[in-house]
N, C-alpha and C. Protein backbone atom coordinates (compact mmCIF):
# COMPACT_ATOMS: atom_id res chain seq x y z
N MET A 1 -10.01 -11.55 -3.64
CA MET A 1 -9.60 -11.15 -2.33
C MET A 1 -10.81 -10.63 -1.57
N ALA A 2 -10.91 -11.06 -0.35
CA ALA A 2 -12.03 -10.66 0.46
C ALA A 2 -11.86 -9.22 0.97
N ASP A 3 -13.00 -8.59 1.23
CA ASP A 3 -12.98 -7.29 1.86
C ASP A 3 -12.36 -7.39 3.25
N VAL A 4 -11.80 -6.29 3.76
CA VAL A 4 -11.23 -6.25 5.09
C VAL A 4 -12.14 -5.43 5.98
N ARG A 5 -12.47 -5.95 7.15
CA ARG A 5 -13.30 -5.20 8.11
C ARG A 5 -12.47 -4.07 8.72
N ARG A 6 -13.07 -2.86 8.77
CA ARG A 6 -12.38 -1.71 9.38
C ARG A 6 -13.34 -1.11 10.40
N VAL A 7 -12.90 -1.11 11.67
CA VAL A 7 -13.63 -0.48 12.75
C VAL A 7 -12.90 0.85 13.06
N VAL A 8 -13.67 1.91 13.14
CA VAL A 8 -13.09 3.23 13.38
C VAL A 8 -13.69 3.84 14.64
N THR A 9 -12.83 4.38 15.48
CA THR A 9 -13.27 5.11 16.67
C THR A 9 -13.13 6.58 16.44
N GLY A 10 -13.79 7.38 17.27
CA GLY A 10 -13.70 8.80 17.20
C GLY A 10 -14.11 9.38 18.54
N HIS A 11 -14.50 10.62 18.53
CA HIS A 11 -14.89 11.30 19.78
C HIS A 11 -16.20 12.07 19.57
N ARG A 12 -17.01 12.06 20.60
CA ARG A 12 -18.18 12.92 20.62
C ARG A 12 -17.71 14.33 20.93
N SER A 13 -18.61 15.27 20.82
CA SER A 13 -18.25 16.67 21.11
C SER A 13 -17.82 16.86 22.55
N ASP A 14 -18.28 15.97 23.47
CA ASP A 14 -17.86 16.07 24.88
C ASP A 14 -16.56 15.32 25.18
N GLY A 15 -15.91 14.76 24.08
CA GLY A 15 -14.64 14.09 24.24
C GLY A 15 -14.72 12.61 24.52
N LYS A 16 -15.93 12.07 24.72
CA LYS A 16 -16.10 10.66 25.01
C LYS A 16 -15.79 9.83 23.74
N ALA A 17 -15.05 8.72 23.91
CA ALA A 17 -14.73 7.83 22.81
C ALA A 17 -15.98 7.08 22.33
N VAL A 18 -16.10 6.96 21.00
CA VAL A 18 -17.25 6.26 20.41
C VAL A 18 -16.76 5.49 19.19
N PHE A 19 -17.52 4.45 18.84
CA PHE A 19 -17.34 3.78 17.56
C PHE A 19 -18.11 4.59 16.53
N VAL A 20 -17.43 4.99 15.47
CA VAL A 20 -18.10 5.81 14.44
C VAL A 20 -18.42 5.04 13.18
N SER A 21 -17.70 3.95 12.95
CA SER A 21 -18.05 3.11 11.80
C SER A 21 -17.48 1.71 11.98
N ASP A 22 -18.16 0.78 11.32
CA ASP A 22 -17.75 -0.62 11.33
C ASP A 22 -18.20 -1.16 9.96
N GLY A 23 -17.26 -1.24 9.05
CA GLY A 23 -17.63 -1.62 7.69
C GLY A 23 -16.52 -2.34 6.98
N ARG A 24 -16.76 -2.63 5.72
CA ARG A 24 -15.82 -3.38 4.89
C ARG A 24 -15.13 -2.44 3.93
N VAL A 25 -13.85 -2.72 3.72
CA VAL A 25 -13.05 -1.98 2.73
C VAL A 25 -12.73 -2.95 1.62
N ALA A 26 -13.17 -2.60 0.43
CA ALA A 26 -12.93 -3.43 -0.75
C ALA A 26 -11.49 -3.28 -1.23
N VAL A 27 -10.99 -4.32 -1.91
CA VAL A 27 -9.66 -4.27 -2.47
C VAL A 27 -9.67 -3.41 -3.73
N SER A 28 -8.60 -2.66 -3.93
CA SER A 28 -8.37 -1.95 -5.17
C SER A 28 -7.46 -2.79 -6.03
N SER A 29 -7.95 -3.20 -7.16
CA SER A 29 -7.20 -4.09 -8.04
C SER A 29 -5.98 -3.37 -8.61
N MET A 30 -4.91 -4.13 -8.80
CA MET A 30 -3.68 -3.59 -9.40
C MET A 30 -3.90 -3.31 -10.90
N GLY A 31 -5.02 -3.76 -11.45
CA GLY A 31 -5.32 -3.52 -12.84
C GLY A 31 -6.25 -4.60 -13.37
N PRO A 32 -6.83 -4.38 -14.53
CA PRO A 32 -7.71 -5.38 -15.12
C PRO A 32 -7.01 -6.73 -15.25
N GLY A 33 -7.65 -7.75 -14.72
CA GLY A 33 -7.11 -9.10 -14.81
C GLY A 33 -6.03 -9.42 -13.80
N SER A 34 -5.63 -8.46 -12.98
CA SER A 34 -4.56 -8.67 -12.00
C SER A 34 -5.07 -9.51 -10.82
N ALA A 35 -4.23 -10.38 -10.31
CA ALA A 35 -4.56 -11.16 -9.12
C ALA A 35 -4.05 -10.45 -7.88
N GLY A 36 -3.43 -9.29 -7.99
CA GLY A 36 -2.92 -8.55 -6.86
C GLY A 36 -3.81 -7.36 -6.56
N GLY A 37 -3.70 -6.84 -5.34
CA GLY A 37 -4.50 -5.68 -4.99
C GLY A 37 -4.08 -5.08 -3.67
N ILE A 38 -4.66 -3.92 -3.37
CA ILE A 38 -4.32 -3.20 -2.13
C ILE A 38 -5.61 -2.75 -1.47
N HIS A 39 -5.72 -3.05 -0.18
CA HIS A 39 -6.80 -2.50 0.63
C HIS A 39 -6.26 -1.20 1.23
N GLN A 40 -6.79 -0.10 0.80
CA GLN A 40 -6.36 1.23 1.31
C GLN A 40 -7.18 1.53 2.55
N LEU A 41 -6.69 1.08 3.72
CA LEU A 41 -7.49 1.13 4.95
C LEU A 41 -7.64 2.50 5.55
N TRP A 42 -6.57 3.31 5.53
CA TRP A 42 -6.64 4.61 6.18
C TRP A 42 -5.43 5.42 5.76
N GLY A 43 -5.51 6.70 5.87
CA GLY A 43 -4.38 7.54 5.58
C GLY A 43 -4.78 8.98 5.54
N GLY A 44 -3.81 9.87 5.69
CA GLY A 44 -4.04 11.28 5.63
C GLY A 44 -2.79 11.97 5.16
N ASP A 45 -2.96 13.20 4.67
CA ASP A 45 -1.84 13.98 4.19
C ASP A 45 -1.29 14.95 5.24
N GLN A 46 -1.95 15.00 6.40
CA GLN A 46 -1.53 15.86 7.51
C GLN A 46 -1.46 14.99 8.76
N PRO A 47 -0.65 15.38 9.74
CA PRO A 47 -0.66 14.65 10.99
C PRO A 47 -2.08 14.66 11.61
N PRO A 48 -2.50 13.55 12.21
CA PRO A 48 -3.86 13.52 12.76
C PRO A 48 -3.97 14.45 13.99
N THR A 49 -5.20 14.89 14.22
CA THR A 49 -5.52 15.70 15.40
C THR A 49 -6.71 15.07 16.11
N PHE A 50 -6.78 15.28 17.39
CA PHE A 50 -7.88 14.77 18.21
C PHE A 50 -8.45 15.92 19.05
N PRO A 51 -9.69 15.94 19.44
CA PRO A 51 -10.67 14.89 19.10
C PRO A 51 -11.10 15.02 17.66
N ASP A 52 -11.56 13.90 17.15
CA ASP A 52 -12.03 13.87 15.75
C ASP A 52 -13.34 13.11 15.69
N ASP A 53 -13.96 13.18 14.52
CA ASP A 53 -15.24 12.45 14.35
C ASP A 53 -15.05 11.10 13.69
N GLY A 54 -13.81 10.70 13.42
CA GLY A 54 -13.53 9.39 12.84
C GLY A 54 -13.71 9.35 11.34
N SER A 55 -13.92 10.51 10.69
CA SER A 55 -14.06 10.54 9.25
C SER A 55 -12.71 10.27 8.60
N PRO A 56 -12.70 9.56 7.46
CA PRO A 56 -11.44 9.32 6.77
C PRO A 56 -10.76 10.65 6.38
N PRO A 57 -9.49 10.82 6.71
CA PRO A 57 -8.76 12.05 6.32
C PRO A 57 -8.58 12.15 4.81
N ALA A 58 -8.35 13.34 4.35
CA ALA A 58 -8.12 13.59 2.94
C ALA A 58 -6.76 13.00 2.52
N ARG A 59 -6.72 12.44 1.31
CA ARG A 59 -5.49 11.90 0.74
C ARG A 59 -5.46 12.28 -0.74
N ALA A 60 -4.38 12.90 -1.17
CA ALA A 60 -4.30 13.34 -2.56
C ALA A 60 -3.57 12.32 -3.44
N THR A 61 -2.60 11.61 -2.86
CA THR A 61 -1.77 10.69 -3.64
C THR A 61 -1.62 9.36 -2.92
N PHE A 62 -1.17 8.34 -3.63
CA PHE A 62 -0.99 7.02 -3.04
C PHE A 62 0.05 7.04 -1.94
N PHE A 63 1.22 7.62 -2.23
CA PHE A 63 2.27 7.74 -1.20
C PHE A 63 2.07 9.01 -0.39
N PRO A 64 2.31 8.96 0.91
CA PRO A 64 2.06 10.18 1.75
C PRO A 64 3.10 11.22 1.59
N PRO A 65 2.73 12.49 1.73
CA PRO A 65 3.71 13.58 1.75
C PRO A 65 4.32 13.63 3.15
N LEU A 66 5.27 14.53 3.33
CA LEU A 66 5.88 14.75 4.63
C LEU A 66 4.77 15.00 5.66
N GLY A 67 4.79 14.25 6.76
CA GLY A 67 3.78 14.36 7.78
C GLY A 67 2.52 13.55 7.53
N GLY A 68 2.38 13.01 6.34
CA GLY A 68 1.22 12.18 6.01
C GLY A 68 1.51 10.72 6.33
N TYR A 69 0.51 9.88 6.18
CA TYR A 69 0.65 8.46 6.51
C TYR A 69 -0.36 7.62 5.73
N ARG A 70 -0.06 6.34 5.58
CA ARG A 70 -0.96 5.42 4.88
C ARG A 70 -0.92 4.08 5.64
N PHE A 71 -2.06 3.39 5.66
CA PHE A 71 -2.22 2.07 6.27
C PHE A 71 -2.84 1.18 5.23
N LEU A 72 -2.11 0.11 4.84
CA LEU A 72 -2.51 -0.73 3.71
C LEU A 72 -2.41 -2.21 4.04
N VAL A 73 -3.20 -3.02 3.31
CA VAL A 73 -2.94 -4.45 3.24
C VAL A 73 -2.70 -4.71 1.76
N VAL A 74 -1.55 -5.29 1.44
CA VAL A 74 -1.14 -5.55 0.07
C VAL A 74 -1.16 -7.04 -0.23
N THR A 75 -1.81 -7.44 -1.29
CA THR A 75 -1.81 -8.84 -1.75
C THR A 75 -1.01 -8.87 -3.05
N MET A 76 0.10 -9.60 -2.99
CA MET A 76 0.92 -9.75 -4.19
C MET A 76 0.52 -11.04 -4.90
N ALA A 77 0.26 -10.92 -6.17
CA ALA A 77 -0.12 -12.07 -6.98
C ALA A 77 1.01 -13.08 -7.06
N PRO A 78 0.67 -14.35 -7.23
CA PRO A 78 1.71 -15.36 -7.41
C PRO A 78 2.50 -15.16 -8.69
N ALA A 79 3.70 -15.72 -8.73
CA ALA A 79 4.51 -15.65 -9.93
C ALA A 79 3.74 -16.20 -11.12
N GLY A 80 3.83 -15.53 -12.23
CA GLY A 80 3.14 -16.00 -13.44
C GLY A 80 1.66 -15.66 -13.49
N ALA A 81 1.15 -14.95 -12.49
CA ALA A 81 -0.27 -14.59 -12.48
C ALA A 81 -0.57 -13.27 -13.15
N SER A 82 0.44 -12.69 -13.79
CA SER A 82 0.22 -11.41 -14.46
C SER A 82 -0.74 -11.55 -15.60
N PRO A 83 -1.55 -10.53 -15.79
CA PRO A 83 -2.49 -10.58 -16.91
C PRO A 83 -1.77 -10.47 -18.22
N PRO A 84 -2.43 -10.86 -19.29
CA PRO A 84 -1.81 -10.68 -20.62
C PRO A 84 -1.57 -9.20 -20.92
N ALA A 85 -0.73 -8.92 -21.87
CA ALA A 85 -0.44 -7.54 -22.24
C ALA A 85 -1.74 -6.82 -22.51
N PRO A 86 -1.89 -5.58 -21.98
CA PRO A 86 -3.15 -4.86 -22.12
C PRO A 86 -3.44 -4.51 -23.58
N ALA A 87 -4.70 -4.60 -23.94
CA ALA A 87 -5.14 -4.23 -25.26
C ALA A 87 -5.07 -2.71 -25.43
N ASP A 88 -5.31 -1.99 -24.35
CA ASP A 88 -5.31 -0.52 -24.40
C ASP A 88 -4.48 0.00 -23.24
N PRO A 89 -3.14 0.16 -23.45
CA PRO A 89 -2.27 0.61 -22.40
C PRO A 89 -2.67 1.95 -21.79
N ASP A 90 -3.23 2.86 -22.58
CA ASP A 90 -3.67 4.14 -22.07
C ASP A 90 -4.82 3.98 -21.07
N ALA A 91 -5.72 3.05 -21.35
CA ALA A 91 -6.85 2.78 -20.42
C ALA A 91 -6.32 2.17 -19.12
N ILE A 92 -5.35 1.30 -19.23
CA ILE A 92 -4.75 0.66 -18.03
C ILE A 92 -4.07 1.75 -17.18
N ALA A 93 -3.30 2.64 -17.86
CA ALA A 93 -2.63 3.72 -17.11
C ALA A 93 -3.63 4.67 -16.46
N ALA A 94 -4.72 4.95 -17.13
CA ALA A 94 -5.73 5.85 -16.55
C ALA A 94 -6.37 5.19 -15.35
N HIS A 95 -6.65 3.90 -15.42
CA HIS A 95 -7.23 3.18 -14.29
C HIS A 95 -6.27 3.22 -13.11
N GLY A 96 -4.98 2.98 -13.36
CA GLY A 96 -4.00 3.00 -12.29
C GLY A 96 -3.90 4.38 -11.64
N GLU A 97 -3.96 5.43 -12.43
CA GLU A 97 -3.86 6.78 -11.87
C GLU A 97 -5.11 7.14 -11.04
N ARG A 98 -6.30 6.70 -11.50
CA ARG A 98 -7.51 6.93 -10.70
C ARG A 98 -7.49 6.14 -9.37
N THR A 99 -7.02 4.91 -9.44
CA THR A 99 -7.07 4.04 -8.26
C THR A 99 -5.94 4.32 -7.28
N PHE A 100 -4.73 4.59 -7.80
CA PHE A 100 -3.53 4.81 -6.98
C PHE A 100 -2.84 6.09 -7.46
N PRO A 101 -3.41 7.28 -7.23
CA PRO A 101 -2.87 8.51 -7.80
C PRO A 101 -1.38 8.71 -7.45
N GLY A 102 -0.58 8.96 -8.47
CA GLY A 102 0.82 9.28 -8.28
C GLY A 102 1.73 8.07 -8.14
N LEU A 103 1.18 6.87 -8.02
CA LEU A 103 2.00 5.66 -7.84
C LEU A 103 2.92 5.46 -9.05
N ALA A 104 2.38 5.53 -10.22
CA ALA A 104 3.16 5.26 -11.43
C ALA A 104 4.36 6.22 -11.57
N SER A 105 4.22 7.44 -11.10
CA SER A 105 5.31 8.41 -11.24
C SER A 105 6.52 8.04 -10.40
N HIS A 106 6.36 7.16 -9.43
CA HIS A 106 7.48 6.70 -8.61
C HIS A 106 8.15 5.46 -9.21
N MET A 107 7.51 4.81 -10.16
CA MET A 107 8.04 3.60 -10.75
C MET A 107 9.00 3.92 -11.89
N GLU A 108 10.09 3.14 -11.96
CA GLU A 108 11.08 3.37 -13.00
C GLU A 108 10.65 2.59 -14.27
N PRO A 109 10.37 3.31 -15.34
CA PRO A 109 9.83 2.65 -16.53
C PRO A 109 10.80 1.61 -17.15
N ASP A 110 12.08 1.82 -17.02
CA ASP A 110 13.06 0.89 -17.61
C ASP A 110 13.50 -0.19 -16.63
N ASN A 111 12.90 -0.23 -15.44
CA ASN A 111 13.28 -1.18 -14.42
C ASN A 111 12.05 -1.55 -13.62
N PRO A 112 11.13 -2.40 -14.20
CA PRO A 112 9.81 -2.64 -13.66
C PRO A 112 9.80 -2.95 -12.16
N GLY A 113 8.94 -2.22 -11.45
CA GLY A 113 8.75 -2.43 -10.02
C GLY A 113 9.70 -1.67 -9.13
N MET A 114 10.86 -1.28 -9.66
CA MET A 114 11.84 -0.55 -8.86
C MET A 114 11.31 0.86 -8.59
N HIS A 115 11.38 1.31 -7.33
CA HIS A 115 10.89 2.65 -6.98
C HIS A 115 11.52 3.15 -5.70
N THR A 116 11.41 4.44 -5.51
CA THR A 116 11.92 5.10 -4.31
C THR A 116 10.86 6.11 -3.85
N THR A 117 10.61 6.17 -2.54
CA THR A 117 9.66 7.13 -2.01
C THR A 117 10.29 7.82 -0.78
N ASP A 118 9.79 9.00 -0.50
CA ASP A 118 10.24 9.75 0.69
C ASP A 118 9.38 9.34 1.87
N THR A 119 9.47 8.05 2.21
CA THR A 119 8.68 7.51 3.30
C THR A 119 9.52 6.50 4.13
N ILE A 120 9.10 6.34 5.37
CA ILE A 120 9.55 5.21 6.18
C ILE A 120 8.40 4.24 6.17
N ASP A 121 8.67 3.01 5.76
CA ASP A 121 7.63 2.00 5.63
C ASP A 121 7.87 0.90 6.64
N PHE A 122 6.79 0.53 7.32
CA PHE A 122 6.82 -0.58 8.26
C PHE A 122 5.94 -1.68 7.70
N GLU A 123 6.55 -2.84 7.39
CA GLU A 123 5.81 -3.92 6.77
C GLU A 123 5.84 -5.16 7.65
N TYR A 124 4.74 -5.91 7.64
CA TYR A 124 4.61 -7.14 8.40
C TYR A 124 4.00 -8.19 7.45
N VAL A 125 4.68 -9.29 7.27
CA VAL A 125 4.22 -10.35 6.37
C VAL A 125 3.18 -11.20 7.11
N VAL A 126 2.00 -11.30 6.54
CA VAL A 126 0.89 -12.06 7.10
C VAL A 126 0.89 -13.50 6.59
N SER A 127 1.04 -13.63 5.28
CA SER A 127 1.02 -14.98 4.68
C SER A 127 1.83 -14.99 3.38
N GLY A 128 2.24 -16.17 3.00
CA GLY A 128 3.02 -16.32 1.77
C GLY A 128 4.49 -15.98 1.98
N GLU A 129 5.14 -15.77 0.88
CA GLU A 129 6.58 -15.48 0.89
C GLU A 129 6.83 -14.36 -0.11
N ILE A 130 7.52 -13.31 0.31
CA ILE A 130 7.87 -12.21 -0.60
C ILE A 130 9.36 -11.94 -0.51
N VAL A 131 9.87 -11.38 -1.57
CA VAL A 131 11.30 -11.06 -1.66
C VAL A 131 11.40 -9.55 -1.80
N LEU A 132 12.22 -8.93 -0.94
CA LEU A 132 12.54 -7.51 -1.02
C LEU A 132 13.90 -7.40 -1.67
N GLU A 133 13.94 -6.69 -2.82
CA GLU A 133 15.19 -6.49 -3.56
C GLU A 133 15.58 -5.02 -3.47
N LEU A 134 16.86 -4.74 -3.11
CA LEU A 134 17.36 -3.38 -3.07
C LEU A 134 18.04 -3.01 -4.38
N ASP A 135 18.46 -1.75 -4.52
CA ASP A 135 18.95 -1.25 -5.82
C ASP A 135 20.22 -1.94 -6.30
N ASP A 136 21.00 -2.56 -5.41
CA ASP A 136 22.23 -3.24 -5.85
C ASP A 136 22.00 -4.71 -6.15
N GLY A 137 20.73 -5.15 -6.11
CA GLY A 137 20.43 -6.55 -6.35
C GLY A 137 20.40 -7.42 -5.09
N ALA A 138 20.80 -6.88 -3.93
CA ALA A 138 20.73 -7.61 -2.68
C ALA A 138 19.25 -7.94 -2.40
N GLU A 139 18.99 -9.16 -1.90
CA GLU A 139 17.64 -9.61 -1.64
C GLU A 139 17.53 -10.25 -0.26
N VAL A 140 16.33 -10.16 0.30
CA VAL A 140 16.02 -10.89 1.50
C VAL A 140 14.64 -11.53 1.28
N VAL A 141 14.51 -12.81 1.71
CA VAL A 141 13.25 -13.53 1.59
C VAL A 141 12.52 -13.36 2.91
N LEU A 142 11.23 -12.98 2.85
CA LEU A 142 10.43 -12.72 4.03
C LEU A 142 9.28 -13.71 4.10
N HIS A 143 9.05 -14.21 5.32
CA HIS A 143 7.99 -15.20 5.59
C HIS A 143 7.01 -14.63 6.59
N PRO A 144 5.86 -15.31 6.83
CA PRO A 144 4.89 -14.83 7.80
C PRO A 144 5.55 -14.55 9.16
N GLY A 145 5.22 -13.38 9.70
CA GLY A 145 5.79 -12.95 10.97
C GLY A 145 7.01 -12.09 10.84
N ASP A 146 7.63 -12.06 9.66
CA ASP A 146 8.80 -11.20 9.44
C ASP A 146 8.35 -9.77 9.25
N THR A 147 9.22 -8.84 9.62
CA THR A 147 8.93 -7.42 9.48
C THR A 147 10.08 -6.72 8.75
N VAL A 148 9.75 -5.56 8.19
CA VAL A 148 10.74 -4.73 7.52
C VAL A 148 10.52 -3.28 7.94
N VAL A 149 11.60 -2.58 8.22
CA VAL A 149 11.53 -1.13 8.38
C VAL A 149 12.36 -0.58 7.22
N GLN A 150 11.68 0.05 6.32
CA GLN A 150 12.30 0.53 5.06
C GLN A 150 12.45 2.03 5.13
N ASN A 151 13.67 2.51 5.04
CA ASN A 151 13.97 3.92 5.23
C ASN A 151 14.25 4.63 3.89
N GLY A 152 13.21 4.80 3.08
CA GLY A 152 13.35 5.56 1.87
C GLY A 152 14.28 4.96 0.84
N THR A 153 14.49 3.66 0.85
CA THR A 153 15.43 3.01 -0.05
C THR A 153 14.82 2.70 -1.42
N ARG A 154 15.67 2.60 -2.42
CA ARG A 154 15.25 2.20 -3.76
C ARG A 154 15.09 0.68 -3.70
N HIS A 155 13.92 0.19 -4.11
CA HIS A 155 13.62 -1.22 -3.95
C HIS A 155 12.50 -1.70 -4.89
N ARG A 156 12.26 -3.00 -4.86
CA ARG A 156 11.09 -3.59 -5.50
C ARG A 156 10.74 -4.86 -4.76
N TRP A 157 9.51 -5.32 -4.95
CA TRP A 157 8.98 -6.53 -4.30
C TRP A 157 8.78 -7.60 -5.37
N HIS A 158 8.99 -8.87 -4.93
CA HIS A 158 8.71 -10.03 -5.78
C HIS A 158 7.91 -11.06 -5.01
N ASN A 159 7.03 -11.76 -5.70
CA ASN A 159 6.44 -12.96 -5.19
C ASN A 159 6.76 -14.03 -6.21
N ARG A 160 7.72 -14.88 -5.90
CA ARG A 160 8.20 -15.89 -6.84
C ARG A 160 7.57 -17.26 -6.60
N THR A 161 6.55 -17.31 -5.75
CA THR A 161 5.89 -18.58 -5.43
C THR A 161 4.61 -18.74 -6.23
N SER A 162 3.94 -19.87 -6.02
CA SER A 162 2.68 -20.12 -6.74
C SER A 162 1.48 -19.72 -5.90
N GLU A 163 1.69 -19.09 -4.75
CA GLU A 163 0.62 -18.66 -3.86
C GLU A 163 0.65 -17.16 -3.67
N PRO A 164 -0.51 -16.51 -3.42
CA PRO A 164 -0.50 -15.09 -3.09
C PRO A 164 0.29 -14.83 -1.82
N ALA A 165 0.85 -13.65 -1.70
CA ALA A 165 1.52 -13.21 -0.48
C ALA A 165 0.80 -11.95 0.01
N VAL A 166 0.63 -11.86 1.33
CA VAL A 166 -0.08 -10.71 1.92
C VAL A 166 0.80 -10.06 2.98
N TYR A 167 0.92 -8.74 2.91
CA TYR A 167 1.61 -8.02 3.99
C TYR A 167 0.86 -6.75 4.32
N VAL A 168 1.02 -6.33 5.57
CA VAL A 168 0.45 -5.12 6.07
C VAL A 168 1.55 -4.04 6.04
N ALA A 169 1.21 -2.84 5.61
CA ALA A 169 2.19 -1.76 5.52
C ALA A 169 1.63 -0.48 6.12
N PHE A 170 2.49 0.20 6.84
CA PHE A 170 2.20 1.53 7.37
C PHE A 170 3.31 2.46 6.87
N LEU A 171 2.97 3.46 6.08
CA LEU A 171 3.93 4.38 5.47
C LEU A 171 3.77 5.75 6.08
N VAL A 172 4.92 6.37 6.38
CA VAL A 172 4.94 7.72 6.95
C VAL A 172 5.83 8.59 6.09
N GLY A 173 5.32 9.74 5.65
CA GLY A 173 6.13 10.68 4.91
C GLY A 173 7.30 11.19 5.73
N ALA A 174 8.49 11.25 5.11
CA ALA A 174 9.69 11.61 5.87
C ALA A 174 10.54 12.59 5.08
N HIS A 175 11.44 13.27 5.81
CA HIS A 175 12.41 14.17 5.19
C HIS A 175 13.51 13.33 4.55
N ARG A 176 13.94 13.72 3.37
CA ARG A 176 15.12 13.10 2.75
C ARG A 176 16.26 14.11 2.84
N ARG A 177 17.40 13.69 3.38
CA ARG A 177 18.55 14.61 3.50
C ARG A 177 19.32 14.69 2.23
């Protein structure tokens, strides 16, 4: 997967808008041998404030807390592209926790991929085909140009095709009643 260009604006001390960075964001692999990955483009654990210098905000975990947000590009590997069983599961788990802190704690160990977060997620499919499955087994197939607004539901994603699928996601931490 290619790096994604990220241009960031900010403010000078006098309030004038400026470009503060123009660089590449590398993909974070889903794990050794995985054909999937996530470009973690931007995010913070607090609501943003202005003026700012355009520095990346602090983030403690993969999913945002209440008032936090995340901006991602997700590449889902094609069906059957999973790596072989890991030789050292502890090393794989440690890599996952370093790369995507807290992500594994949201995943259901007895129901692979199924998870729930206290977020509202806005997704836009860029390429490929992905399937969104809800907790009762209901599914919807999504194609390029399709969008999803996910309101803290229990779900999982599938790519059942032979090609990678790419979607953009913006996650916002939300109150759960």
